[in-house]
PDB file of N, CA and C in Angstrom:
ATOM      1  N   MET A   1      -9.152  -9.920  -3.436  1.00  0.00           N
ATOM      2  CA  MET A   1      -9.916  -8.950  -2.672  1.00  0.00           C
ATOM      3  C   MET A   1     -10.853  -8.246  -3.639  1.00  0.00           C
ATOM      4  N   SER A   2     -12.044  -8.103  -3.228  1.00  0.00           N
ATOM      5  CA  SER A   2     -13.029  -7.498  -4.118  1.00  0.00           C
ATOM      6  C   SER A   2     -12.913  -5.975  -4.113  1.00  0.00           C
ATOM      7  N   GLU A   3     -13.316  -5.406  -5.222  1.00  0.00           N
ATOM      8  CA  GLU A   3     -13.359  -3.957  -5.338  1.00  0.00           C
ATOM      9  C   GLU A   3     -14.307  -3.371  -4.294  1.00  0.00           C
ATOM     10  N   ALA A   4     -15.374  -4.092  -3.975  1.00  0.00           N
ATOM     11  CA  ALA A   4     -16.343  -3.614  -2.983  1.00  0.00           C
ATOM     12  C   ALA A   4     -15.678  -3.406  -1.625  1.00  0.00           C
ATOM     13  N   ILE A   5     -14.784  -4.290  -1.224  1.00  0.00           N
ATOM     14  CA  ILE A   5     -14.084  -4.158   0.059  1.00  0.00           C
ATOM     15  C   ILE A   5     -13.150  -2.947   0.026  1.00  0.00           C
ATOM     16  N   GLN A   6     -12.469  -2.749  -1.096  1.00  0.00           N
ATOM     17  CA  GLN A   6     -11.584  -1.592  -1.225  1.00  0.00           C
ATOM     18  C   GLN A   6     -12.393  -0.294  -1.205  1.00  0.00           C
ATOM     19  N   ARG A   7     -13.516  -0.288  -1.886  1.00  0.00           N
ATOM     20  CA  ARG A   7     -14.364   0.910  -1.882  1.00  0.00           C
ATOM     21  C   ARG A   7     -14.917   1.197  -0.485  1.00  0.00           C
ATOM     22  N   ALA A   8     -15.236   0.146   0.254  1.00  0.00           N
ATOM     23  CA  ALA A   8     -15.713   0.322   1.634  1.00  0.00           C
ATOM     24  C   ALA A   8     -14.627   0.954   2.502  1.00  0.00           C
ATOM     25  N   MET A   9     -13.383   0.549   2.303  1.00  0.00           N
ATOM     26  CA  MET A   9     -12.262   1.149   3.044  1.00  0.00           C
ATOM     27  C   MET A   9     -12.165   2.634   2.702  1.00  0.00           C
ATOM     28  N   CYS A  10     -12.322   2.968   1.441  1.00  0.00           N
ATOM     29  CA  CYS A  10     -12.278   4.378   1.042  1.00  0.00           C
ATOM     30  C   CYS A  10     -13.403   5.177   1.698  1.00  0.00           C
ATOM     31  N   ARG A  11     -14.606   4.620   1.715  1.00  0.00           N
ATOM     32  CA  ARG A  11     -15.731   5.312   2.359  1.00  0.00           C
ATOM     33  C   ARG A  11     -15.470   5.508   3.849  1.00  0.00           C
ATOM     34  N   LYS A  12     -14.920   4.492   4.490  1.00  0.00           N
ATOM     35  CA  LYS A  12     -14.642   4.565   5.931  1.00  0.00           C
ATOM     36  C   LYS A  12     -13.767   5.761   6.269  1.00  0.00           C
ATOM     37  N   TYR A  13     -12.810   6.081   5.394  1.00  0.00           N
ATOM     38  CA  TYR A  13     -11.857   7.158   5.681  1.00  0.00           C
ATOM     39  C   TYR A  13     -12.079   8.408   4.838  1.00  0.00           C
ATOM     40  N   GLY A  14     -13.150   8.422   4.035  1.00  0.00           N
ATOM     41  CA  GLY A  14     -13.447   9.603   3.229  1.00  0.00           C
ATOM     42  C   GLY A  14     -12.474   9.807   2.087  1.00  0.00           C
ATOM     43  N   ALA A  15     -11.963   8.726   1.537  1.00  0.00           N
ATOM     44  CA  ALA A  15     -10.981   8.785   0.455  1.00  0.00           C
ATOM     45  C   ALA A  15     -11.635   8.480  -0.885  1.00  0.00           C
ATOM     46  N   ALA A  16     -11.144   9.112  -1.924  1.00  0.00           N
ATOM     47  CA  ALA A  16     -11.579   8.762  -3.276  1.00  0.00           C
ATOM     48  C   ALA A  16     -10.972   7.409  -3.633  1.00  0.00           C
ATOM     49  N   TYR A  17     -11.716   6.618  -4.389  1.00  0.00           N
ATOM     50  CA  TYR A  17     -11.250   5.299  -4.833  1.00  0.00           C
ATOM     51  C   TYR A  17     -10.425   5.439  -6.108  1.00  0.00           C
ATOM     52  N   LEU A  18      -9.291   4.768  -6.149  1.00  0.00           N
ATOM     53  CA  LEU A  18      -8.484   4.649  -7.363  1.00  0.00           C
ATOM     54  C   LEU A  18      -7.964   3.223  -7.416  1.00  0.00           C
ATOM     55  N   ALA A  19      -8.371   2.492  -8.410  1.00  0.00           N
ATOM     56  CA  ALA A  19      -8.010   1.076  -8.535  1.00  0.00           C
ATOM     57  C   ALA A  19      -6.503   0.879  -8.611  1.00  0.00           C
ATOM     58  N   SER A  20      -6.064  -0.279  -8.160  1.00  0.00           N
ATOM     59  CA  SER A  20      -4.695  -0.762  -8.331  1.00  0.00           C
ATOM     60  C   SER A  20      -4.805  -2.039  -9.166  1.00  0.00           C
ATOM     61  N   PRO A  21      -4.798  -1.904 -10.490  1.00  0.00           N
ATOM     62  CA  PRO A  21      -5.010  -3.070 -11.358  1.00  0.00           C
ATOM     63  C   PRO A  21      -4.014  -4.196 -11.079  1.00  0.00           C
ATOM     64  N   ARG A  22      -4.513  -5.417 -11.203  1.00  0.00           N
ATOM     65  CA  ARG A  22      -3.728  -6.604 -10.875  1.00  0.00           C
ATOM     66  C   ARG A  22      -2.479  -6.752 -11.739  1.00  0.00           C
ATOM     67  N   ASP A  23      -2.458  -6.159 -12.929  1.00  0.00           N
ATOM     68  CA  ASP A  23      -1.295  -6.296 -13.803  1.00  0.00           C
ATOM     69  C   ASP A  23      -0.265  -5.190 -13.580  1.00  0.00           C
ATOM     70  N   MET A  24      -0.549  -4.278 -12.656  1.00  0.00           N
ATOM     71  CA  MET A  24       0.407  -3.223 -12.325  1.00  0.00           C
ATOM     72  C   MET A  24       1.221  -3.633 -11.099  1.00  0.00           C
ATOM     73  N   LYS A  25       2.245  -2.852 -10.770  1.00  0.00           N
ATOM     74  CA  LYS A  25       3.183  -3.225  -9.707  1.00  0.00           C
ATOM     75  C   LYS A  25       3.116  -2.284  -8.517  1.00  0.00           C
ATOM     76  N   ILE A  26       3.503  -2.860  -7.364  1.00  0.00           N
ATOM     77  CA  ILE A  26       3.755  -2.085  -6.153  1.00  0.00           C
ATOM     78  C   ILE A  26       5.233  -2.258  -5.824  1.00  0.00           C
ATOM     79  N   GLY A  27       5.756  -1.394  -4.977  1.00  0.00           N
ATOM     80  CA  GLY A  27       7.086  -1.590  -4.402  1.00  0.00           C
ATOM     81  C   GLY A  27       6.884  -2.242  -3.047  1.00  0.00           C
ATOM     82  N   ILE A  28       7.630  -3.306  -2.782  1.00  0.00           N
ATOM     83  CA  ILE A  28       7.428  -4.054  -1.542  1.00  0.00           C
ATOM     84  C   ILE A  28       8.782  -4.423  -0.947  1.00  0.00           C
ATOM     85  N   SER A  29       8.900  -4.305   0.371  1.00  0.00           N
ATOM     86  CA  SER A  29      10.154  -4.680   1.031  1.00  0.00           C
ATOM     87  C   SER A  29      10.192  -6.188   1.241  1.00  0.00           C
ATOM     88  N   GLY A  30      11.377  -6.726   1.350  1.00  0.00           N
ATOM     89  CA  GLY A  30      11.563  -8.165   1.479  1.00  0.00           C
ATOM     90  C   GLY A  30      10.969  -8.770   2.730  1.00  0.00           C
ATOM     91  N   ASN A  31      10.751  -7.966   3.765  1.00  0.00           N
ATOM     92  CA  ASN A  31      10.241  -8.520   5.020  1.00  0.00           C
ATOM     93  C   ASN A  31       8.717  -8.524   5.113  1.00  0.00           C
ATOM     94  N   VAL A  32       8.015  -8.061   4.092  1.00  0.00           N
ATOM     95  CA  VAL A  32       6.551  -8.115   4.093  1.00  0.00           C
ATOM     96  C   VAL A  32       6.125  -9.567   3.882  1.00  0.00           C
ATOM     97  N   GLY A  33       5.226 -10.030   4.728  1.00  0.00           N
ATOM     98  CA  GLY A  33       4.730 -11.395   4.621  1.00  0.00           C
ATOM     99  C   GLY A  33       5.529 -12.403   5.427  1.00  0.00           C
ATOM    100  N   THR A  34       6.415 -11.914   6.297  1.00  0.00           N
ATOM    101  CA  THR A  34       7.254 -12.807   7.113  1.00  0.00           C
ATOM    102  C   THR A  34       6.747 -12.942   8.539  1.00  0.00           C
ATOM    103  N   GLY A  35       5.603 -12.323   8.833  1.00  0.00           N
ATOM    104  CA  GLY A  35       5.046 -12.381  10.183  1.00  0.00           C
ATOM    105  C   GLY A  35       5.487 -11.240  11.076  1.00  0.00           C
ATOM    106  N   LEU A  36       6.277 -10.313  10.544  1.00  0.00           N
ATOM    107  CA  LEU A  36       6.718  -9.148  11.324  1.00  0.00           C
ATOM    108  C   LEU A  36       5.671  -8.045  11.220  1.00  0.00           C
ATOM    109  N   TRP A  37       5.667  -7.159  12.223  1.00  0.00           N
ATOM    110  CA  TRP A  37       4.715  -6.059  12.295  1.00  0.00           C
ATOM    111  C   TRP A  37       5.434  -4.790  12.692  1.00  0.00           C
ATOM    112  N   PRO A  38       4.861  -3.653  12.495  1.00  0.00           N
ATOM    113  CA  PRO A  38       3.643  -3.329  11.776  1.00  0.00           C
ATOM    114  C   PRO A  38       3.881  -3.274  10.273  1.00  0.00           C
ATOM    115  N   ILE A  39       2.804  -3.367   9.512  1.00  0.00           N
ATOM    116  CA  ILE A  39       2.868  -3.244   8.056  1.00  0.00           C
ATOM    117  C   ILE A  39       2.437  -1.829   7.701  1.00  0.00           C
ATOM    118  N   ASN A  40       3.248  -1.182   6.875  1.00  0.00           N
ATOM    119  CA  ASN A  40       3.028   0.204   6.459  1.00  0.00           C
ATOM    120  C   ASN A  40       2.840   0.271   4.954  1.00  0.00           C
ATOM    121  N   GLY A  41       2.102   1.274   4.514  1.00  0.00           N
ATOM    122  CA  GLY A  41       1.984   1.522   3.085  1.00  0.00           C
ATOM    123  C   GLY A  41       1.750   2.993   2.831  1.00  0.00           C
ATOM    124  N   LEU A  42       2.226   3.443   1.685  1.00  0.00           N
ATOM    125  CA  LEU A  42       1.962   4.809   1.240  1.00  0.00           C
ATOM    126  C   LEU A  42       1.808   4.789  -0.268  1.00  0.00           C
ATOM    127  N   ARG A  43       1.012   5.752  -0.761  1.00  0.00           N
ATOM    128  CA  ARG A  43       0.765   5.789  -2.211  1.00  0.00           C
ATOM    129  C   ARG A  43       1.121   7.140  -2.797  1.00  0.00           C
ATOM    130  N   HIS A  44       2.042   7.077  -3.749  1.00  0.00           N
ATOM    131  CA  HIS A  44       2.361   8.228  -4.589  1.00  0.00           C
ATOM    132  C   HIS A  44       1.436   8.184  -5.807  1.00  0.00           C
ATOM    133  N   THR A  45       1.537   9.146  -6.664  1.00  0.00           N
ATOM    134  CA  THR A  45       0.768   9.153  -7.894  1.00  0.00           C
ATOM    135  C   THR A  45       1.246   8.017  -8.798  1.00  0.00           C
ATOM    136  N   PRO A  46       0.321   7.204  -9.344  1.00  0.00           N
ATOM    137  CA  PRO A  46       0.731   6.124 -10.243  1.00  0.00           C
ATOM    138  C   PRO A  46       1.506   6.669 -11.442  1.00  0.00           C
ATOM    139  N   GLU A  47       2.456   5.867 -11.894  1.00  0.00           N
ATOM    140  CA  GLU A  47       3.283   6.276 -13.015  1.00  0.00           C
ATOM    141  C   GLU A  47       3.661   5.044 -13.825  1.00  0.00           C
ATOM    142  N   GLY A  48       3.466   5.100 -15.124  1.00  0.00           N
ATOM    143  CA  GLY A  48       3.810   3.959 -15.970  1.00  0.00           C
ATOM    144  C   GLY A  48       3.022   2.726 -15.570  1.00  0.00           C
ATOM    145  N   CYS A  49       3.751   1.650 -15.285  1.00  0.00           N
ATOM    146  CA  CYS A  49       3.099   0.381 -14.911  1.00  0.00           C
ATOM    147  C   CYS A  49       3.077   0.177 -13.401  1.00  0.00           C
ATOM    148  N   THR A  50       3.235   1.262 -12.632  1.00  0.00           N
ATOM    149  CA  THR A  50       3.207   1.150 -11.170  1.00  0.00           C
ATOM    150  C   THR A  50       1.952   1.807 -10.602  1.00  0.00           C
ATOM    151  N   THR A  51       1.494   1.277  -9.485  1.00  0.00           N
ATOM    152  CA  THR A  51       0.307   1.815  -8.812  1.00  0.00           C
ATOM    153  C   THR A  51       0.618   3.028  -7.953  1.00  0.00           C
ATOM    154  N   GLY A  52       1.887   3.210  -7.623  1.00  0.00           N
ATOM    155  CA  GLY A  52       2.291   4.254  -6.685  1.00  0.00           C
ATOM    156  C   GLY A  52       2.410   3.754  -5.257  1.00  0.00           C
ATOM    157  N   TRP A  53       1.996   2.502  -5.003  1.00  0.00           N
ATOM    158  CA  TRP A  53       2.047   1.950  -3.646  1.00  0.00           C
ATOM    159  C   TRP A  53       3.433   1.431  -3.298  1.00  0.00           C
ATOM    160  N   TYR A  54       3.836   1.708  -2.043  1.00  0.00           N
ATOM    161  CA  TYR A  54       5.049   1.152  -1.440  1.00  0.00           C
ATOM    162  C   TYR A  54       4.645   0.575  -0.092  1.00  0.00           C
ATOM    163  N   VAL A  55       5.031  -0.669   0.154  1.00  0.00           N
ATOM    164  CA  VAL A  55       4.621  -1.392   1.354  1.00  0.00           C
ATOM    165  C   VAL A  55       5.863  -1.958   2.034  1.00  0.00           C
ATOM    166  N   TRP A  56       5.953  -1.793   3.358  1.00  0.00           N
ATOM    167  CA  TRP A  56       7.098  -2.288   4.108  1.00  0.00           C
ATOM    168  C   TRP A  56       6.680  -2.655   5.527  1.00  0.00           C
ATOM    169  N   VAL A  57       7.573  -3.303   6.234  1.00  0.00           N
ATOM    170  CA  VAL A  57       7.341  -3.701   7.631  1.00  0.00           C
ATOM    171  C   VAL A  57       8.320  -2.950   8.518  1.00  0.00           C
ATOM    172  N   GLY A  58       7.834  -2.542   9.694  1.00  0.00           N
ATOM    173  CA  GLY A  58       8.701  -1.923  10.684  1.00  0.00           C
ATOM    174  C   GLY A  58       8.356  -0.471  10.938  1.00  0.00           C
ATOM    175  N   GLN A  59       9.033   0.093  11.901  1.00  0.00           N
ATOM    176  CA  GLN A  59       8.786   1.475  12.293  1.00  0.00           C
ATOM    177  C   GLN A  59       9.486   2.483  11.385  1.00  0.00           C
ATOM    178  N   GLU A  60      10.584   2.081  10.786  1.00  0.00           N
ATOM    179  CA  GLU A  60      11.395   2.990   9.976  1.00  0.00           C
ATOM    180  C   GLU A  60      11.342   2.612   8.504  1.00  0.00           C
ATOM    181  N   LEU A  61      11.290   3.613   7.648  1.00  0.00           N
ATOM    182  CA  LEU A  61      11.345   3.425   6.202  1.00  0.00           C
ATOM    183  C   LEU A  61      12.803   3.553   5.775  1.00  0.00           C
ATOM    184  N   SER A  62      13.361   2.495   5.241  1.00  0.00           N
ATOM    185  CA  SER A  62      14.759   2.491   4.829  1.00  0.00           C
ATOM    186  C   SER A  62      14.970   3.392   3.611  1.00  0.00           C
ATOM    187  N   THR A  63      16.151   3.972   3.514  1.00  0.00           N
ATOM    188  CA  THR A  63      16.514   4.762   2.340  1.00  0.00           C
ATOM    189  C   THR A  63      17.431   3.979   1.407  1.00  0.00           C
ATOM    190  N   ALA A  64      17.671   2.712   1.699  1.00  0.00           N
ATOM    191  CA  ALA A  64      18.531   1.882   0.842  1.00  0.00           C
ATOM    192  C   ALA A  64      17.903   1.756  -0.548  1.00  0.00           C
ATOM    193  N   CYS A  65      18.724   1.865  -1.576  1.00  0.00           N
ATOM    194  CA  CYS A  65      18.208   1.844  -2.948  1.00  0.00           C
ATOM    195  C   CYS A  65      17.584   0.499  -3.322  1.00  0.00           C
ATOM    196  N   ASP A  66      17.922  -0.569  -2.605  1.00  0.00           N
ATOM    197  CA  ASP A  66      17.363  -1.889  -2.924  1.00  0.00           C
ATOM    198  C   ASP A  66      16.329  -2.346  -1.882  1.00  0.00           C
ATOM    199  N   PHE A  67      15.805  -1.422  -1.092  1.00  0.00           N
ATOM    200  CA  PHE A  67      14.843  -1.772  -0.050  1.00  0.00           C
ATOM    201  C   PHE A  67      13.543  -2.312  -0.639  1.00  0.00           C
ATOM    202  N   PHE A  68      13.069  -1.705  -1.730  1.00  0.00           N
ATOM    203  CA  PHE A  68      11.830  -2.127  -2.371  1.00  0.00           C
ATOM    204  C   PHE A  68      12.123  -2.923  -3.638  1.00  0.00           C
ATOM    205  N   SER A  69      11.297  -3.928  -3.855  1.00  0.00           N
ATOM    206  CA  SER A  69      11.329  -4.706  -5.094  1.00  0.00           C
ATOM    207  C   SER A  69       9.948  -4.607  -5.730  1.00  0.00           C
ATOM    208  N   PRO A  70       9.876  -4.699  -7.067  1.00  0.00           N
ATOM    209  CA  PRO A  70       8.563  -4.651  -7.706  1.00  0.00           C
ATOM    210  C   PRO A  70       7.810  -5.966  -7.526  1.00  0.00           C
ATOM    211  N   LEU A  71       6.502  -5.866  -7.360  1.00  0.00           N
ATOM    212  CA  LEU A  71       5.635  -7.040  -7.246  1.00  0.00           C
ATOM    213  C   LEU A  71       4.310  -6.703  -7.914  1.00  0.00           C
ATOM    214  N   HIS A  72       3.864  -7.577  -8.816  1.00  0.00           N
ATOM    215  CA  HIS A  72       2.545  -7.363  -9.420  1.00  0.00           C
ATOM    216  C   HIS A  72       1.467  -7.485  -8.345  1.00  0.00           C
ATOM    217  N   VAL A  73       0.476  -6.643  -8.438  1.00  0.00           N
ATOM    218  CA  VAL A  73      -0.642  -6.676  -7.495  1.00  0.00           C
ATOM    219  C   VAL A  73      -1.250  -8.079  -7.447  1.00  0.00           C
ATOM    220  N   SER A  74      -1.278  -8.775  -8.567  1.00  0.00           N
ATOM    221  CA  SER A  74      -1.866 -10.117  -8.614  1.00  0.00           C
ATOM    222  C   SER A  74      -1.138 -11.118  -7.723  1.00  0.00           C
ATOM    223  N   HIS A  75       0.111 -10.848  -7.361  1.00  0.00           N
ATOM    224  CA  HIS A  75       0.888 -11.754  -6.505  1.00  0.00           C
ATOM    225  C   HIS A  75       0.854 -11.357  -5.025  1.00  0.00           C
ATOM    226  N   LEU A  76       0.249 -10.224  -4.719  1.00  0.00           N
ATOM    227  CA  LEU A  76       0.228  -9.743  -3.338  1.00  0.00           C
ATOM    228  C   LEU A  76      -0.569 -10.668  -2.426  1.00  0.00           C
ATOM    229  N   ARG A  77      -1.638 -11.242  -2.930  1.00  0.00           N
ATOM    230  CA  ARG A  77      -2.485 -12.118  -2.110  1.00  0.00           C
ATOM    231  C   ARG A  77      -1.681 -13.269  -1.523  1.00  0.00           C
ATOM    232  N   ALA A  78      -0.765 -13.840  -2.283  1.00  0.00           N
ATOM    233  CA  ALA A  78       0.046 -14.952  -1.793  1.00  0.00           C
ATOM    234  C   ALA A  78       1.077 -14.490  -0.770  1.00  0.00           C
ATOM    235  N   ARG A  79       1.496 -13.259  -0.857  1.00  0.00           N
ATOM    236  CA  ARG A  79       2.549 -12.734   0.014  1.00  0.00           C
ATOM    237  C   ARG A  79       2.015 -12.088   1.283  1.00  0.00           C
ATOM    238  N   CYS A  80       0.977 -11.254   1.137  1.00  0.00           N
ATOM    239  CA  CYS A  80       0.443 -10.522   2.294  1.00  0.00           C
ATOM    240  C   CYS A  80      -0.976 -10.048   1.972  1.00  0.00           C
ATOM    241  N   PRO A  81      -1.953 -10.944   2.041  1.00  0.00           N
ATOM    242  CA  PRO A  81      -3.317 -10.588   1.633  1.00  0.00           C
ATOM    243  C   PRO A  81      -3.951  -9.482   2.471  1.00  0.00           C
ATOM    244  N   GLU A  82      -3.457  -9.240   3.673  1.00  0.00           N
ATOM    245  CA  GLU A  82      -4.028  -8.202   4.546  1.00  0.00           C
ATOM    246  C   GLU A  82      -3.908  -6.805   3.934  1.00  0.00           C
ATOM    247  N   VAL A  83      -2.960  -6.614   3.030  1.00  0.00           N
ATOM    248  CA  VAL A  83      -2.720  -5.298   2.437  1.00  0.00           C
ATOM    249  C   VAL A  83      -3.743  -4.967   1.356  1.00  0.00           C
ATOM    250  N   GLU A  84      -4.327  -5.972   0.727  1.00  0.00           N
ATOM    251  CA  GLU A  84      -5.185  -5.749  -0.438  1.00  0.00           C
ATOM    252  C   GLU A  84      -6.334  -4.779  -0.192  1.00  0.00           C
ATOM    253  N   LYS A  85      -6.915  -4.801   0.986  1.00  0.00           N
ATOM    254  CA  LYS A  85      -8.083  -3.953   1.231  1.00  0.00           C
ATOM    255  C   LYS A  85      -7.763  -2.459   1.183  1.00  0.00           C
ATOM    256  N   TYR A  86      -6.488  -2.091   1.296  1.00  0.00           N
ATOM    257  CA  TYR A  86      -6.075  -0.687   1.275  1.00  0.00           C
ATOM    258  C   TYR A  86      -5.765  -0.166  -0.128  1.00  0.00           C
ATOM    259  N   LEU A  87      -5.621  -1.037  -1.102  1.00  0.00           N
ATOM    260  CA  LEU A  87      -5.087  -0.656  -2.408  1.00  0.00           C
ATOM    261  C   LEU A  87      -6.002   0.224  -3.254  1.00  0.00           C
ATOM    262  N   GLY A  88      -7.229   0.477  -2.811  1.00  0.00           N
ATOM    263  CA  GLY A  88      -8.108   1.388  -3.527  1.00  0.00           C
ATOM    264  C   GLY A  88      -7.964   2.834  -3.069  1.00  0.00           C
ATOM    265  N   LEU A  89      -7.257   3.057  -1.963  1.00  0.00           N
ATOM    266  CA  LEU A  89      -7.007   4.420  -1.484  1.00  0.00           C
ATOM    267  C   LEU A  89      -6.157   5.159  -2.510  1.00  0.00           C
ATOM    268  N   GLY A  90      -6.494   6.397  -2.777  1.00  0.00           N
ATOM    269  CA  GLY A  90      -5.803   7.163  -3.803  1.00  0.00           C
ATOM    270  C   GLY A  90      -4.444   7.680  -3.375  1.00  0.00           C
ATOM    271  N   PRO A  91      -3.746   8.360  -4.293  1.00  0.00           N
ATOM    272  CA  PRO A  91      -2.452   8.960  -3.984  1.00  0.00           C
ATOM    273  C   PRO A  91      -2.549   9.901  -2.785  1.00  0.00           C
ATOM    274  N   GLY A  92      -1.530   9.853  -1.957  1.00  0.00           N
ATOM    275  CA  GLY A  92      -1.477  10.683  -0.754  1.00  0.00           C
ATOM    276  C   GLY A  92      -1.915   9.951   0.505  1.00  0.00           C
ATOM    277  N   TRP A  93      -2.458   8.748   0.346  1.00  0.00           N
ATOM    278  CA  TRP A  93      -2.934   8.004   1.513  1.00  0.00           C
ATOM    279  C   TRP A  93      -1.871   7.074   2.043  1.00  0.00           C
ATOM    280  N   ARG A  94      -1.927   6.870   3.334  1.00  0.00           N
ATOM    281  CA  ARG A  94      -0.989   5.994   4.051  1.00  0.00           C
ATOM    282  C   ARG A  94      -1.773   5.080   4.980  1.00  0.00           C
ATOM    283  N   PHE A  95      -1.154   3.970   5.358  1.00  0.00           N
ATOM    284  CA  PHE A  95      -1.739   3.093   6.372  1.00  0.00           C
ATOM    285  C   PHE A  95      -0.632   2.456   7.188  1.00  0.00           C
ATOM    286  N   ILE A  96      -1.005   2.040   8.388  1.00  0.00           N
ATOM    287  CA  ILE A  96      -0.164   1.222   9.243  1.00  0.00           C
ATOM    288  C   ILE A  96      -1.097   0.319  10.038  1.00  0.00           C
ATOM    289  N   PHE A  97      -0.732  -0.944  10.180  1.00  0.00           N
ATOM    290  CA  PHE A  97      -1.560  -1.853  10.970  1.00  0.00           C
ATOM    291  C   PHE A  97      -0.719  -3.000  11.509  1.00  0.00           C
ATOM    292  N   ASP A  98      -1.241  -3.614  12.548  1.00  0.00           N
ATOM    293  CA  ASP A  98      -0.698  -4.875  13.064  1.00  0.00           C
ATOM    294  C   ASP A  98      -1.891  -5.746  13.431  1.00  0.00           C
ATOM    295  N   GLU A  99      -1.696  -6.699  14.289  1.00  0.00           N
ATOM    296  CA  GLU A  99      -2.794  -7.627  14.614  1.00  0.00           C
ATOM    297  C   GLU A  99      -3.957  -6.959  15.335  1.00  0.00           C
ATOM    298  N   THR A 100      -3.710  -5.846  16.026  1.00  0.00           N
ATOM    299  CA  THR A 100      -4.758  -5.226  16.836  1.00  0.00           C
ATOM    300  C   THR A 100      -4.972  -3.742  16.566  1.00  0.00           C
ATOM    301  N   TYR A 101      -4.206  -3.139  15.684  1.00  0.00           N
ATOM    302  CA  TYR A 101      -4.225  -1.699  15.483  1.00  0.00           C
ATOM    303  C   TYR A 101      -4.291  -1.384  13.995  1.00  0.00           C
ATOM    304  N   GLU A 102      -5.015  -0.298  13.651  1.00  0.00           N
ATOM    305  CA  GLU A 102      -5.058   0.186  12.276  1.00  0.00           C
ATOM    306  C   GLU A 102      -5.151   1.695  12.291  1.00  0.00           C
ATOM    307  N   ASP A 103      -4.362   2.347  11.450  1.00  0.00           N
ATOM    308  CA  ASP A 103      -4.476   3.783  11.243  1.00  0.00           C
ATOM    309  C   ASP A 103      -4.339   4.042   9.750  1.00  0.00           C
ATOM    310  N   VAL A 104      -5.204   4.890   9.235  1.00  0.00           N
ATOM    311  CA  VAL A 104      -5.204   5.274   7.826  1.00  0.00           C
ATOM    312  C   VAL A 104      -5.349   6.783   7.793  1.00  0.00           C
ATOM    313  N   TRP A 105      -4.498   7.468   7.024  1.00  0.00           N
ATOM    314  CA  TRP A 105      -4.563   8.923   6.985  1.00  0.00           C
ATOM    315  C   TRP A 105      -4.033   9.451   5.665  1.00  0.00           C
ATOM    316  N   PHE A 106      -4.411  10.706   5.383  1.00  0.00           N
ATOM    317  CA  PHE A 106      -3.968  11.392   4.179  1.00  0.00           C
ATOM    318  C   PHE A 106      -2.746  12.227   4.493  1.00  0.00           C
ATOM    319  N   ASP A 107      -1.726  12.135   3.628  1.00  0.00           N
ATOM    320  CA  ASP A 107      -0.477  12.864   3.799  1.00  0.00           C
ATOM    321  C   ASP A 107      -0.225  13.633   2.517  1.00  0.00           C
ATOM    322  N   GLU A 108      -0.601  14.896   2.518  1.00  0.00           N
ATOM    323  CA  GLU A 108      -0.505  15.737   1.330  1.00  0.00           C
ATOM    324  C   GLU A 108       0.919  15.798   0.768  1.00  0.00           C
ATOM    325  N   LEU A 109       1.931  15.648   1.605  1.00  0.00           N
ATOM    326  CA  LEU A 109       3.312  15.709   1.139  1.00  0.00           C
ATOM    327  C   LEU A 109       3.629  14.614   0.118  1.00  0.00           C
ATOM    328  N   LEU A 110       2.917  13.504   0.179  1.00  0.00           N
ATOM    329  CA  LEU A 110       3.157  12.426  -0.784  1.00  0.00           C
ATOM    330  C   LEU A 110       2.824  12.841  -2.207  1.00  0.00           C
ATOM    331  N   LEU A 111       1.974  13.826  -2.365  1.00  0.00           N
ATOM    332  CA  LEU A 111       1.583  14.278  -3.691  1.00  0.00           C
ATOM    333  C   LEU A 111       2.651  15.131  -4.355  1.00  0.00           C
ATOM    334  N   SER A 112       3.590  15.661  -3.583  1.00  0.00           N
ATOM    335  CA  SER A 112       4.629  16.519  -4.145  1.00  0.00           C
ATOM    336  C   SER A 112       5.957  15.806  -4.324  1.00  0.00           C
ATOM    337  N   VAL A 113       6.005  14.514  -4.041  1.00  0.00           N
ATOM    338  CA  VAL A 113       7.230  13.732  -4.217  1.00  0.00           C
ATOM    339  C   VAL A 113       7.289  13.266  -5.652  1.00  0.00           C
ATOM    340  N   SER A 114       8.449  13.485  -6.272  1.00  0.00           N
ATOM    341  CA  SER A 114       8.588  13.042  -7.666  1.00  0.00           C
ATOM    342  C   SER A 114       9.556  11.884  -7.763  1.00  0.00           C
TER     343      SER A 114
END
């Protein structure tokens, strides 16, 4: 996914752009890329070698300690390329989408989670 597409997504929603480098990681649930919907994502502040992004499928976010696994951004295209266009949204942004619906919004509470 090109940076231009990610920047366009940021402009569409009035968000500042913050890259998610391909060598950094996201947290991803095991059911992402299995054809289930909706796909959700939220971004905390990047830390270390992580982008701050967490991506999962379904209406509920699990609290299980093994719900998310690390995945390099460079491998996301093979697993769920539809998510890539959102990865330029900065910390505090969230998204949810399925085949016919998309919502993107800012959630200030994500900035205070440590």
